[in-house]
Amino acid sequence: MEILYEDNHLIIVNKVPGEIVQGDKTGDEPLVETLRQWIKEKYSKPGNVFCGVVHRLDRPVGGVVVFAKTSKALTRLNEMFRLGKVDKTYLAVTRNRPPHDSERLTGYVRTVEKNNKSYFTPTEVHGSKPVALSYRYLGASDRYHISEIHLETGRKHQIRVQLASIGCPIKGDLKYGDRRSNPDGSISLRAHRITFEHPVSGKLIDVTAPLPDDPLWQAFAPVVNQATPSSDSLVTDSKTTPDDEDRH
């Protein structure tokens, strides 16, 4: 488990594809429980350890996930996510090139729980919810294309279904139209960066997850690094300790 940032109120991790953030019917240990045990052991905390789920990523998706270490942070972060005060940037690899260099996609998504799938419609239908995202095309490798995605709403499978709606299903995403699965069961979508105001201290939190060390993602490292400006406001070092916040 890779810790990207930690202080007294927050802990941000680099989720591995295949992990679940919160418990589900599979019975697999969720990342939130792994974190509780990690915090308990690292800081020798007695009794139950608080660790609250702020948001989730689909099981086959990797990247940045934020958890709250205090109830105060959880309440405030939940409100920030609800009000759209958190900037989330994703990276998506597709076999097809998007139709434009950049574009804002809007419409509606209806989710059918029976088959755990979302359906895009350009106009509102019964049970649908509005969705919006923007993409920016970054470049190509020999066989694939990569785009940066800025998510405005947070519906189930939103990026997956909206990219599929423009003929660009994400590599490995059989559910939404790609023709071949990835060997490890992942899909080539990553929560790359998250930026928000700290819910307690008010300082800027700007955390970027490193690209996986595999040929597909590393082929895109130059264009991704060029497109992702570094932040001077925060050192996002995994060695950051909870006491650091109190010294600033």
Protein backbone atom coordinates (compact mmCIF):
# COMPACT_ATOMS: atom_id res chain seq x y z
CA MET A 1 0.00 0.00 0.00
CA GLU A 2 1.46 3.34 -1.07
CA ILE A 3 0.70 6.37 1.09
CA LEU A 4 0.80 9.56 -0.99
CA TYR A 5 -0.04 12.03 1.79
CA GLU A 6 -0.90 11.92 5.48
CA ASP A 7 -1.61 14.36 8.30
CA ASN A 8 -3.77 14.38 11.42
CA HIS A 9 -7.03 14.56 9.46
CA LEU A 10 -6.38 12.98 6.05
CA ILE A 11 -4.70 10.02 4.47
CA ILE A 12 -4.40 9.70 0.69
CA VAL A 13 -3.35 6.44 -0.93
CA ASN A 14 -2.50 5.11 -4.36
CA LYS A 15 -5.13 2.43 -4.90
CA VAL A 16 -4.09 -0.65 -6.87
CA PRO A 17 -6.54 -1.97 -9.51
CA GLY A 18 -8.42 -4.91 -8.04
CA GLU A 19 -8.72 -3.42 -4.57
CA ILE A 20 -12.12 -2.32 -3.30
CA VAL A 21 -12.47 0.91 -1.36
CA GLN A 22 -15.47 -0.16 0.70
CA GLY A 23 -16.84 -3.57 1.61
CA ASP A 24 -19.11 -5.30 -0.89
CA LYS A 25 -20.83 -8.65 -1.43
CA THR A 26 -17.55 -10.34 -2.42
CA GLY A 27 -16.39 -10.30 1.19
CA ASP A 28 -12.89 -9.19 0.14
CA GLU A 29 -11.09 -6.94 2.60
CA PRO A 30 -11.66 -3.33 1.59
CA LEU A 31 -8.94 -0.72 1.45
CA VAL A 32 -10.57 1.25 4.28
CA GLU A 33 -10.15 -1.74 6.63
CA THR A 34 -6.53 -2.26 5.53
CA LEU A 35 -5.91 1.39 6.36
CA ARG A 36 -7.52 1.11 9.79
CA GLN A 37 -5.19 -1.75 10.65
CA TRP A 38 -2.18 0.12 9.24
CA ILE A 39 -2.95 3.23 11.33
CA LYS A 40 -3.60 1.13 14.44
CA GLU A 41 -0.27 -0.69 14.14
CA LYS A 42 1.86 2.27 13.02
CA TYR A 43 0.72 4.57 15.83
CA SER A 44 -0.02 1.85 18.43
CA LYS A 45 -3.59 3.06 18.81
CA PRO A 46 -5.80 1.17 21.26
CA GLY A 47 -9.41 0.29 20.48
CA ASN A 48 -11.20 1.13 17.25
CA VAL A 49 -9.50 3.39 14.72
CA PHE A 50 -11.53 5.94 12.75
CA CYS A 51 -11.08 5.93 8.98
CA GLY A 52 -13.90 7.32 6.86
CA VAL A 53 -14.57 6.72 3.16
CA VAL A 54 -14.82 10.05 1.34
CA HIS A 55 -15.23 8.80 -2.23
CA ARG A 56 -14.75 5.60 -4.19
CA LEU A 57 -13.07 4.25 -7.31
CA ASP A 58 -14.35 1.29 -9.30
CA ARG A 59 -12.57 -1.96 -8.50
CA PRO A 60 -10.60 -2.18 -11.80
CA VAL A 61 -9.45 1.47 -11.55
CA GLY A 62 -6.25 2.59 -9.81
CA GLY A 63 -4.99 5.88 -8.43
CA VAL A 64 -5.65 8.55 -5.83
CA VAL A 65 -8.18 7.87 -3.06
CA VAL A 66 -8.80 10.17 -0.08
CA PHE A 67 -9.80 8.90 3.37
CA ALA A 68 -10.64 10.90 6.50
CA LYS A 69 -8.92 10.17 9.81
CA THR A 70 -11.32 12.32 11.84
CA SER A 71 -15.10 12.76 11.82
CA LYS A 72 -14.63 16.53 11.39
CA ALA A 73 -12.63 16.00 8.19
CA LEU A 74 -15.10 13.41 6.90
CA THR A 75 -18.11 15.70 7.34
CA ARG A 76 -16.39 18.64 5.68
CA LEU A 77 -14.92 16.59 2.83
CA ASN A 78 -18.30 15.00 2.10
CA GLU A 79 -19.75 18.49 1.74
CA MET A 80 -16.85 19.63 -0.47
CA PHE A 81 -17.34 16.68 -2.80
CA ARG A 82 -21.09 17.31 -2.88
CA LEU A 83 -20.58 20.97 -3.80
CA GLY A 84 -17.94 20.23 -6.45
CA LYS A 85 -15.10 21.89 -4.56
CA VAL A 86 -12.68 19.05 -5.28
CA ASP A 87 -10.79 19.00 -8.59
CA LYS A 88 -10.32 15.43 -9.85
CA THR A 89 -8.15 14.60 -12.86
CA TYR A 90 -8.13 11.16 -14.49
CA LEU A 91 -6.09 9.56 -17.25
CA ALA A 92 -7.79 7.27 -19.76
CA VAL A 93 -6.14 5.07 -22.38
CA THR A 94 -8.28 4.18 -25.41
CA ARG A 95 -7.77 2.35 -28.68
CA ASN A 96 -9.54 5.09 -30.61
CA ARG A 97 -8.59 8.75 -30.76
CA PRO A 98 -11.24 11.09 -29.34
CA PRO A 99 -12.98 13.16 -32.02
CA HIS A 100 -11.56 16.49 -30.76
CA ASP A 101 -8.43 17.75 -29.03
CA SER A 102 -10.64 18.90 -26.16
CA GLU A 103 -14.35 18.78 -25.50
CA ARG A 104 -16.92 19.03 -22.73
CA LEU A 105 -19.33 16.09 -22.70
CA THR A 106 -22.76 16.37 -21.12
CA GLY A 107 -25.86 14.22 -21.02
CA TYR A 108 -27.55 11.80 -18.66
CA VAL A 109 -26.70 8.45 -17.11
CA ARG A 110 -29.13 5.83 -15.93
CA THR A 111 -27.82 2.99 -13.76
CA VAL A 112 -29.30 -0.50 -13.70
CA GLU A 113 -28.23 -2.20 -10.48
CA LYS A 114 -29.32 -5.64 -11.68
CA ASN A 115 -26.41 -5.87 -14.10
CA ASN A 116 -24.25 -3.21 -12.40
CA LYS A 117 -24.09 -1.08 -15.53
CA SER A 118 -24.76 2.53 -16.46
CA TYR A 119 -26.33 3.72 -19.71
CA PHE A 120 -25.75 7.08 -21.38
CA THR A 121 -28.56 9.07 -22.95
CA PRO A 122 -28.20 12.52 -24.57
CA THR A 123 -31.56 13.59 -23.13
CA GLU A 124 -33.20 13.01 -19.77
CA VAL A 125 -35.14 9.78 -19.28
CA HIS A 126 -36.85 8.29 -16.26
CA GLY A 127 -34.33 7.50 -13.54
CA SER A 128 -31.43 9.27 -15.22
CA LYS A 129 -29.09 11.85 -13.68
CA PRO A 130 -27.15 14.66 -15.40
CA VAL A 131 -23.44 14.13 -16.06
CA ALA A 132 -20.60 16.33 -17.27
CA LEU A 133 -16.89 15.93 -17.87
CA SER A 134 -14.19 17.52 -19.99
CA TYR A 135 -11.38 15.73 -21.78
CA ARG A 136 -8.11 16.90 -23.27
CA TYR A 137 -6.22 14.73 -25.72
CA LEU A 138 -2.58 14.30 -24.70
CA GLY A 139 -1.03 12.02 -27.30
CA ALA A 140 -0.54 8.56 -28.75
CA SER A 141 1.72 5.54 -28.51
CA ASP A 142 2.12 2.98 -31.26
CA ARG A 143 -1.36 1.52 -30.65
CA TYR A 144 -3.19 3.58 -28.07
CA HIS A 145 -4.27 7.10 -27.18
CA ILE A 146 -4.32 8.88 -23.82
CA SER A 147 -6.57 11.69 -22.63
CA GLU A 148 -6.81 13.75 -19.46
CA ILE A 149 -10.29 13.78 -17.94
CA HIS A 150 -11.71 16.40 -15.58
CA LEU A 151 -14.76 15.08 -13.81
CA GLU A 152 -17.53 17.54 -12.96
CA THR A 153 -20.10 15.06 -11.63
CA GLY A 154 -19.53 11.73 -9.94
CA ARG A 155 -21.99 9.16 -11.26
CA LYS A 156 -21.41 5.43 -11.30
CA HIS A 157 -19.09 4.39 -14.14
CA GLN A 158 -19.47 7.91 -15.55
CA ILE A 159 -16.12 8.28 -17.33
CA ARG A 160 -16.38 4.77 -18.72
CA VAL A 161 -19.84 5.20 -20.19
CA GLN A 162 -19.31 8.76 -21.45
CA LEU A 163 -16.09 7.89 -23.31
CA ALA A 164 -17.79 4.82 -24.76
CA SER A 165 -20.59 7.09 -25.99
CA ILE A 166 -18.12 8.95 -28.26
CA GLY A 167 -16.61 5.71 -29.62
CA CYS A 168 -13.68 5.58 -27.18
CA PRO A 169 -14.20 2.75 -24.69
CA ILE A 170 -11.35 2.52 -22.20
CA LYS A 171 -8.74 -0.14 -22.91
CA GLY A 172 -9.67 -3.36 -21.10
CA ASP A 173 -13.23 -2.27 -20.30
CA LEU A 174 -15.29 -5.10 -21.78
CA LYS A 175 -18.42 -3.89 -19.96
CA TYR A 176 -18.47 -0.72 -22.03
CA GLY A 177 -17.35 -1.98 -25.39
CA ASP A 178 -13.62 -2.61 -25.51
CA ARG A 179 -12.81 -5.79 -27.40
CA ARG A 180 -10.15 -7.28 -25.12
CA SER A 181 -9.59 -7.40 -21.37
CA ASN A 182 -6.33 -6.43 -19.68
CA PRO A 183 -4.33 -9.42 -18.37
CA ASP A 184 -4.61 -8.27 -14.74
CA GLY A 185 -8.34 -7.51 -14.93
CA SER A 186 -7.81 -3.76 -14.66
CA ILE A 187 -9.08 -1.12 -17.03
CA SER A 188 -6.71 1.58 -18.28
CA LEU A 189 -8.27 4.41 -16.29
CA ARG A 190 -6.46 6.13 -13.41
CA ALA A 191 -7.40 8.70 -10.81
CA HIS A 192 -4.26 10.72 -11.50
CA ARG A 193 -4.51 13.89 -9.43
CA ILE A 194 -6.71 15.48 -6.78
CA THR A 195 -6.67 19.09 -5.59
CA PHE A 196 -8.71 20.66 -2.81
CA GLU A 197 -8.55 22.97 0.19
CA HIS A 198 -7.71 21.14 3.39
CA PRO A 199 -10.99 20.77 5.33
CA VAL A 200 -9.38 21.88 8.62
CA SER A 201 -6.21 23.91 7.97
CA GLY A 202 -7.34 25.49 4.70
CA LYS A 203 -4.01 24.84 2.94
CA LEU A 204 -3.88 23.56 -0.61
CA ILE A 205 -3.74 19.78 -0.97
CA ASP A 206 -2.45 18.78 -4.40
CA VAL A 207 -1.61 15.09 -4.77
CA THR A 208 -0.60 13.20 -7.92
CA ALA A 209 -0.28 9.43 -8.12
CA PRO A 210 2.78 8.08 -9.97
CA LEU A 211 2.14 6.14 -13.14
CA PRO A 212 2.32 2.35 -12.85
CA ASP A 213 5.65 0.81 -13.75
CA ASP A 214 4.48 -1.07 -16.81
CA PRO A 215 5.14 -0.50 -20.52
CA LEU A 216 1.65 0.78 -21.40
CA TRP A 217 1.66 3.62 -18.88
CA GLN A 218 5.37 4.36 -19.09
CA ALA A 219 5.04 4.90 -22.85
CA PHE A 220 2.82 7.87 -22.00
CA ALA A 221 4.98 9.23 -19.18
CA PRO A 222 6.53 12.10 -21.22
CA VAL A 223 3.19 13.55 -22.34
CA VAL A 224 1.58 13.00 -18.94
CA ASN A 225 4.46 14.68 -17.10
CA GLN A 226 4.36 17.59 -19.50
CA ALA A 227 0.60 17.99 -18.98
CA THR A 228 0.74 17.76 -15.16
CA PRO A 229 2.21 20.90 -13.58
CA SER A 230 3.98 20.39 -10.29
CA SER A 231 2.66 22.09 -7.17
CA ASP A 232 4.90 24.25 -5.00
CA SER A 233 2.20 24.50 -2.35
CA LEU A 234 2.61 21.05 -0.88
CA VAL A 235 5.27 18.38 -0.64
CA THR A 236 3.31 15.21 -1.34
CA ASP A 237 5.86 12.87 0.18
CA SER A 238 4.81 9.49 1.57
CA LYS A 239 7.06 10.24 4.54
CA THR A 240 4.81 13.11 5.65
CA THR A 241 3.80 12.50 9.24
CA PRO A 242 0.62 13.48 11.13
CA ASP A 243 2.56 15.99 13.23
CA ASP A 244 3.67 17.94 10.15
CA GLU A 245 0.35 19.75 9.91
CA ASP A 246 0.66 21.11 13.45
CA ARG A 247 4.05 22.63 12.68
CA HIS A 248 2.84 24.78 9.77
